Protein backbone atom coordinates (compact mmCIF):
# COMPACT_ATOMS: atom_id res chain seq x y z
CA UNK A 1 0.00 0.00 0.00
CA UNK A 2 1.40 3.42 -0.94
CA UNK A 3 0.37 6.49 0.99
CA UNK A 4 1.20 9.97 -0.33
CA UNK A 5 2.04 12.63 2.25
CA UNK A 6 2.22 16.25 1.04
CA UNK A 7 5.63 16.28 -0.71
CA UNK A 8 6.84 12.78 0.09
CA UNK A 9 5.63 9.26 -0.50
CA UNK A 10 5.63 6.88 2.42
CA UNK A 11 5.08 3.26 1.58
CA UNK A 12 3.82 0.60 3.95
CA UNK A 13 4.48 -3.00 2.98
CA UNK A 14 3.76 -6.32 4.69
CA UNK A 15 7.50 -6.98 4.24
CA UNK A 16 8.59 -3.93 6.27
CA UNK A 17 10.74 -4.61 9.31
CA UNK A 18 9.39 -3.65 12.71
CA UNK A 19 11.89 -0.78 12.83
CA UNK A 20 10.50 0.56 9.53
CA UNK A 21 6.92 0.33 10.82
CA UNK A 22 7.88 2.16 14.04
CA UNK A 23 9.30 4.98 11.91
CA UNK A 24 6.20 5.04 9.67
CA UNK A 25 4.06 5.21 12.82
CA UNK A 26 6.07 8.25 13.99
CA UNK A 27 5.77 9.98 10.60
CA UNK A 28 2.02 9.29 10.39
CA UNK A 29 1.50 10.81 13.85
CA UNK A 30 3.44 13.96 12.94
CA UNK A 31 1.60 14.35 9.64
CA UNK A 32 -1.76 13.60 11.27
CA UNK A 33 -2.20 10.99 8.56
CA UNK A 34 -5.19 8.98 9.75
CA UNK A 35 -5.13 6.90 6.55
CA UNK A 36 -1.60 5.62 7.21
CA UNK A 37 -2.36 5.20 10.93
CA UNK A 38 -5.41 3.13 9.97
CA UNK A 39 -3.08 0.74 8.11
CA UNK A 40 -0.53 0.53 10.96
CA UNK A 41 -2.99 0.16 13.85
CA UNK A 42 -4.57 -3.26 14.39
CA UNK A 43 -8.35 -3.63 14.43
CA UNK A 44 -8.36 -4.18 18.21
CA UNK A 45 -5.91 -1.31 18.87
CA UNK A 46 -6.12 0.40 22.27
CA UNK A 47 -4.42 3.70 23.13
CA UNK A 48 -3.93 5.06 26.64
CA UNK A 49 -2.71 8.65 26.60
CA UNK A 50 -0.78 10.60 29.23
CA UNK A 51 -4.06 11.79 30.78
CA UNK A 52 -5.18 8.20 31.34
CA UNK A 53 -7.82 8.34 28.60
CA UNK A 54 -8.39 5.01 26.88
CA UNK A 55 -9.34 5.01 23.21
CA UNK A 56 -10.16 2.28 20.73
CA UNK A 57 -8.80 2.55 17.20
CA UNK A 58 -11.67 4.45 15.59
CA UNK A 59 -11.84 7.10 18.31
CA UNK A 60 -8.05 7.50 18.17
CA UNK A 61 -8.19 8.03 14.40
CA UNK A 62 -11.10 10.45 14.82
CA UNK A 63 -8.97 12.60 17.15
CA UNK A 64 -6.42 12.93 14.32
CA UNK A 65 -9.08 13.60 11.67
CA UNK A 66 -10.61 16.36 13.81
CA UNK A 67 -7.15 17.84 14.53
CA UNK A 68 -7.64 17.35 18.28
CA UNK A 69 -4.20 15.77 18.26
CA UNK A 70 -1.68 18.14 16.67
CA UNK A 71 1.95 17.05 16.63
CA UNK A 72 4.69 19.37 15.36
CA UNK A 73 7.58 17.00 16.04
CA UNK A 74 8.52 13.75 17.72
CA UNK A 75 12.12 12.68 18.29
CA UNK A 76 12.66 9.05 19.29
CA UNK A 77 15.62 7.68 21.15
CA UNK A 78 16.63 4.21 19.96
CA UNK A 79 13.68 1.88 20.62
CA UNK A 80 14.19 -1.05 22.97
CA UNK A 81 12.52 -4.02 21.29
CA UNK A 82 11.80 -7.33 22.99
CA UNK A 83 10.51 -10.08 20.72
CA UNK A 84 8.17 -12.77 22.04
CA UNK A 85 8.39 -15.45 19.37
CA UNK A 86 8.20 -14.45 15.72
CA UNK A 87 4.97 -12.49 15.80
CA UNK A 88 4.84 -10.32 18.93
CA UNK A 89 7.14 -7.49 20.02
CA UNK A 90 7.07 -5.14 22.98
CA UNK A 91 8.61 -1.77 22.15
CA UNK A 92 9.71 0.86 24.64
CA UNK A 93 10.65 4.28 23.31
CA UNK A 94 11.67 7.54 24.97
CA UNK A 95 10.16 10.34 22.88
CA UNK A 96 10.42 14.11 22.93
CA UNK A 97 7.29 15.62 21.46
CA UNK A 98 6.08 19.10 20.60
CA UNK A 99 2.33 18.64 20.52
CA UNK A 100 -1.08 19.80 21.63
CA UNK A 101 -4.19 17.88 22.60
CA UNK A 102 -7.58 19.62 22.35
CA UNK A 103 -5.70 22.91 21.98
CA UNK A 104 -3.67 22.44 25.19
CA UNK A 105 0.12 22.28 24.95
CA UNK A 106 1.19 18.74 25.97
CA UNK A 107 4.81 19.03 24.80
CA UNK A 108 7.39 17.11 26.76
CA UNK A 109 9.25 13.85 27.12
CA UNK A 110 7.23 10.64 27.17
CA UNK A 111 7.95 6.99 27.73
CA UNK A 112 5.99 5.02 25.14
CA UNK A 113 5.14 1.36 25.53
CA UNK A 114 3.78 -0.36 22.46
CA UNK A 115 2.91 -3.89 21.46
CA UNK A 116 3.15 -4.90 17.80
CA UNK A 117 1.87 -8.12 16.25
CA UNK A 118 3.12 -9.49 12.94
CA UNK A 119 0.25 -10.60 10.72
CA UNK A 120 0.13 -11.71 7.09
CA UNK A 121 -0.43 -8.02 6.33
CA UNK A 122 2.69 -6.91 8.22
CA UNK A 123 3.43 -5.51 11.67
CA UNK A 124 0.39 -3.92 13.35
CA UNK A 125 0.36 -1.89 16.56
CA UNK A 126 -2.15 -3.41 18.98
CA UNK A 127 -1.47 -1.23 22.03
CA UNK A 128 0.15 2.11 22.81
CA UNK A 129 0.60 3.77 26.19
CA UNK A 130 2.29 7.13 26.69
CA UNK A 131 3.47 8.29 30.11
CA UNK A 132 5.05 11.68 30.78
CA UNK A 133 8.61 11.61 32.08
CA UNK A 134 9.07 14.05 34.99
CA UNK A 135 11.43 16.95 34.33
CA UNK A 136 14.60 16.90 36.35
C-alpha atoms as a PDB file:
ATOM      1  CA  UNK A   1       0.000   0.000   0.000  1.00  0.00           C
ATOM      2  CA  UNK A   2       1.404   3.415  -0.944  1.00  0.00           C
ATOM      3  CA  UNK A   3       0.370   6.490   0.992  1.00  0.00           C
ATOM      4  CA  UNK A   4       1.205   9.973  -0.330  1.00  0.00           C
ATOM      5  CA  UNK A   5       2.044  12.631   2.251  1.00  0.00           C
ATOM      6  CA  UNK A   6       2.220  16.247   1.039  1.00  0.00           C
ATOM      7  CA  UNK A   7       5.634  16.279  -0.705  1.00  0.00           C
ATOM      8  CA  UNK A   8       6.837  12.776   0.088  1.00  0.00           C
ATOM      9  CA  UNK A   9       5.626   9.258  -0.498  1.00  0.00           C
ATOM     10  CA  UNK A  10       5.627   6.882   2.416  1.00  0.00           C
ATOM     11  CA  UNK A  11       5.079   3.255   1.578  1.00  0.00           C
ATOM     12  CA  UNK A  12       3.817   0.603   3.954  1.00  0.00           C
ATOM     13  CA  UNK A  13       4.480  -3.005   2.983  1.00  0.00           C
ATOM     14  CA  UNK A  14       3.760  -6.315   4.688  1.00  0.00           C
ATOM     15  CA  UNK A  15       7.498  -6.981   4.241  1.00  0.00           C
ATOM     16  CA  UNK A  16       8.588  -3.930   6.272  1.00  0.00           C
ATOM     17  CA  UNK A  17      10.739  -4.608   9.309  1.00  0.00           C
ATOM     18  CA  UNK A  18       9.393  -3.647  12.707  1.00  0.00           C
ATOM     19  CA  UNK A  19      11.887  -0.779  12.829  1.00  0.00           C
ATOM     20  CA  UNK A  20      10.496   0.560   9.535  1.00  0.00           C
ATOM     21  CA  UNK A  21       6.922   0.332  10.818  1.00  0.00           C
ATOM     22  CA  UNK A  22       7.878   2.161  14.043  1.00  0.00           C
ATOM     23  CA  UNK A  23       9.296   4.984  11.910  1.00  0.00           C
ATOM     24  CA  UNK A  24       6.197   5.040   9.670  1.00  0.00           C
ATOM     25  CA  UNK A  25       4.061   5.209  12.821  1.00  0.00           C
ATOM     26  CA  UNK A  26       6.073   8.249  13.988  1.00  0.00           C
ATOM     27  CA  UNK A  27       5.769   9.976  10.603  1.00  0.00           C
ATOM     28  CA  UNK A  28       2.022   9.293  10.387  1.00  0.00           C
ATOM     29  CA  UNK A  29       1.495  10.808  13.855  1.00  0.00           C
ATOM     30  CA  UNK A  30       3.444  13.964  12.940  1.00  0.00           C
ATOM     31  CA  UNK A  31       1.600  14.349   9.643  1.00  0.00           C
ATOM     32  CA  UNK A  32      -1.758  13.602  11.271  1.00  0.00           C
ATOM     33  CA  UNK A  33      -2.198  10.989   8.561  1.00  0.00           C
ATOM     34  CA  UNK A  34      -5.190   8.984   9.748  1.00  0.00           C
ATOM     35  CA  UNK A  35      -5.132   6.902   6.550  1.00  0.00           C
ATOM     36  CA  UNK A  36      -1.603   5.621   7.214  1.00  0.00           C
ATOM     37  CA  UNK A  37      -2.360   5.195  10.928  1.00  0.00           C
ATOM     38  CA  UNK A  38      -5.408   3.128   9.971  1.00  0.00           C
ATOM     39  CA  UNK A  39      -3.081   0.742   8.113  1.00  0.00           C
ATOM     40  CA  UNK A  40      -0.532   0.532  10.958  1.00  0.00           C
ATOM     41  CA  UNK A  41      -2.986   0.159  13.846  1.00  0.00           C
ATOM     42  CA  UNK A  42      -4.570  -3.263  14.389  1.00  0.00           C
ATOM     43  CA  UNK A  43      -8.347  -3.634  14.432  1.00  0.00           C
ATOM     44  CA  UNK A  44      -8.363  -4.176  18.208  1.00  0.00           C
ATOM     45  CA  UNK A  45      -5.915  -1.312  18.872  1.00  0.00           C
ATOM     46  CA  UNK A  46      -6.123   0.399  22.270  1.00  0.00           C
ATOM     47  CA  UNK A  47      -4.416   3.705  23.131  1.00  0.00           C
ATOM     48  CA  UNK A  48      -3.932   5.058  26.641  1.00  0.00           C
ATOM     49  CA  UNK A  49      -2.706   8.650  26.600  1.00  0.00           C
ATOM     50  CA  UNK A  50      -0.782  10.595  29.227  1.00  0.00           C
ATOM     51  CA  UNK A  51      -4.055  11.790  30.782  1.00  0.00           C
ATOM     52  CA  UNK A  52      -5.183   8.197  31.341  1.00  0.00           C
ATOM     53  CA  UNK A  53      -7.820   8.336  28.600  1.00  0.00           C
ATOM     54  CA  UNK A  54      -8.388   5.011  26.883  1.00  0.00           C
ATOM     55  CA  UNK A  55      -9.341   5.011  23.211  1.00  0.00           C
ATOM     56  CA  UNK A  56     -10.157   2.281  20.729  1.00  0.00           C
ATOM     57  CA  UNK A  57      -8.799   2.555  17.201  1.00  0.00           C
ATOM     58  CA  UNK A  58     -11.671   4.451  15.585  1.00  0.00           C
ATOM     59  CA  UNK A  59     -11.840   7.100  18.311  1.00  0.00           C
ATOM     60  CA  UNK A  60      -8.053   7.497  18.174  1.00  0.00           C
ATOM     61  CA  UNK A  61      -8.189   8.027  14.400  1.00  0.00           C
ATOM     62  CA  UNK A  62     -11.099  10.449  14.816  1.00  0.00           C
ATOM     63  CA  UNK A  63      -8.968  12.603  17.149  1.00  0.00           C
ATOM     64  CA  UNK A  64      -6.416  12.929  14.321  1.00  0.00           C
ATOM     65  CA  UNK A  65      -9.081  13.600  11.672  1.00  0.00           C
ATOM     66  CA  UNK A  66     -10.614  16.362  13.808  1.00  0.00           C
ATOM     67  CA  UNK A  67      -7.152  17.842  14.528  1.00  0.00           C
ATOM     68  CA  UNK A  68      -7.644  17.353  18.283  1.00  0.00           C
ATOM     69  CA  UNK A  69      -4.198  15.766  18.259  1.00  0.00           C
ATOM     70  CA  UNK A  70      -1.684  18.139  16.667  1.00  0.00           C
ATOM     71  CA  UNK A  71       1.952  17.050  16.633  1.00  0.00           C
ATOM     72  CA  UNK A  72       4.686  19.373  15.363  1.00  0.00           C
ATOM     73  CA  UNK A  73       7.577  17.003  16.040  1.00  0.00           C
ATOM     74  CA  UNK A  74       8.520  13.749  17.721  1.00  0.00           C
ATOM     75  CA  UNK A  75      12.116  12.682  18.285  1.00  0.00           C
ATOM     76  CA  UNK A  76      12.658   9.055  19.294  1.00  0.00           C
ATOM     77  CA  UNK A  77      15.619   7.682  21.149  1.00  0.00           C
ATOM     78  CA  UNK A  78      16.627   4.208  19.965  1.00  0.00           C
ATOM     79  CA  UNK A  79      13.684   1.884  20.621  1.00  0.00           C
ATOM     80  CA  UNK A  80      14.186  -1.049  22.972  1.00  0.00           C
ATOM     81  CA  UNK A  81      12.519  -4.022  21.286  1.00  0.00           C
ATOM     82  CA  UNK A  82      11.795  -7.332  22.989  1.00  0.00           C
ATOM     83  CA  UNK A  83      10.507 -10.081  20.716  1.00  0.00           C
ATOM     84  CA  UNK A  84       8.175 -12.772  22.037  1.00  0.00           C
ATOM     85  CA  UNK A  85       8.387 -15.448  19.373  1.00  0.00           C
ATOM     86  CA  UNK A  86       8.198 -14.454  15.720  1.00  0.00           C
ATOM     87  CA  UNK A  87       4.966 -12.492  15.797  1.00  0.00           C
ATOM     88  CA  UNK A  88       4.844 -10.316  18.934  1.00  0.00           C
ATOM     89  CA  UNK A  89       7.136  -7.490  20.020  1.00  0.00           C
ATOM     90  CA  UNK A  90       7.067  -5.137  22.982  1.00  0.00           C
ATOM     91  CA  UNK A  91       8.606  -1.772  22.146  1.00  0.00           C
ATOM     92  CA  UNK A  92       9.712   0.861  24.644  1.00  0.00           C
ATOM     93  CA  UNK A  93      10.651   4.285  23.307  1.00  0.00           C
ATOM     94  CA  UNK A  94      11.668   7.537  24.972  1.00  0.00           C
ATOM     95  CA  UNK A  95      10.156  10.342  22.880  1.00  0.00           C
ATOM     96  CA  UNK A  96      10.421  14.111  22.934  1.00  0.00           C
ATOM     97  CA  UNK A  97       7.285  15.620  21.455  1.00  0.00           C
ATOM     98  CA  UNK A  98       6.077  19.097  20.600  1.00  0.00           C
ATOM     99  CA  UNK A  99       2.333  18.645  20.518  1.00  0.00           C
ATOM    100  CA  UNK A 100      -1.077  19.798  21.625  1.00  0.00           C
ATOM    101  CA  UNK A 101      -4.191  17.878  22.596  1.00  0.00           C
ATOM    102  CA  UNK A 102      -7.577  19.616  22.346  1.00  0.00           C
ATOM    103  CA  UNK A 103      -5.697  22.905  21.980  1.00  0.00           C
ATOM    104  CA  UNK A 104      -3.670  22.440  25.186  1.00  0.00           C
ATOM    105  CA  UNK A 105       0.119  22.277  24.950  1.00  0.00           C
ATOM    106  CA  UNK A 106       1.195  18.743  25.966  1.00  0.00           C
ATOM    107  CA  UNK A 107       4.813  19.031  24.796  1.00  0.00           C
ATOM    108  CA  UNK A 108       7.390  17.113  26.763  1.00  0.00           C
ATOM    109  CA  UNK A 109       9.246  13.850  27.116  1.00  0.00           C
ATOM    110  CA  UNK A 110       7.232  10.640  27.169  1.00  0.00           C
ATOM    111  CA  UNK A 111       7.947   6.985  27.731  1.00  0.00           C
ATOM    112  CA  UNK A 112       5.993   5.023  25.143  1.00  0.00           C
ATOM    113  CA  UNK A 113       5.143   1.363  25.528  1.00  0.00           C
ATOM    114  CA  UNK A 114       3.784  -0.359  22.458  1.00  0.00           C
ATOM    115  CA  UNK A 115       2.911  -3.885  21.464  1.00  0.00           C
ATOM    116  CA  UNK A 116       3.146  -4.900  17.804  1.00  0.00           C
ATOM    117  CA  UNK A 117       1.868  -8.116  16.246  1.00  0.00           C
ATOM    118  CA  UNK A 118       3.116  -9.491  12.936  1.00  0.00           C
ATOM    119  CA  UNK A 119       0.247 -10.596  10.717  1.00  0.00           C
ATOM    120  CA  UNK A 120       0.135 -11.711   7.087  1.00  0.00           C
ATOM    121  CA  UNK A 121      -0.432  -8.023   6.331  1.00  0.00           C
ATOM    122  CA  UNK A 122       2.694  -6.909   8.221  1.00  0.00           C
ATOM    123  CA  UNK A 123       3.428  -5.510  11.672  1.00  0.00           C
ATOM    124  CA  UNK A 124       0.393  -3.924  13.350  1.00  0.00           C
ATOM    125  CA  UNK A 125       0.357  -1.893  16.560  1.00  0.00           C
ATOM    126  CA  UNK A 126      -2.148  -3.410  18.977  1.00  0.00           C
ATOM    127  CA  UNK A 127      -1.469  -1.231  22.035  1.00  0.00           C
ATOM    128  CA  UNK A 128       0.147   2.109  22.815  1.00  0.00           C
ATOM    129  CA  UNK A 129       0.597   3.772  26.188  1.00  0.00           C
ATOM    130  CA  UNK A 130       2.294   7.130  26.693  1.00  0.00           C
ATOM    131  CA  UNK A 131       3.466   8.289  30.109  1.00  0.00           C
ATOM    132  CA  UNK A 132       5.053  11.680  30.777  1.00  0.00           C
ATOM    133  CA  UNK A 133       8.614  11.610  32.083  1.00  0.00           C
ATOM    134  CA  UNK A 134       9.073  14.051  34.986  1.00  0.00           C
ATOM    135  CA  UNK A 135      11.429  16.952  34.331  1.00  0.00           C
ATOM    136  CA  UNK A 136      14.601  16.903  36.353  1.00  0.00           C
END
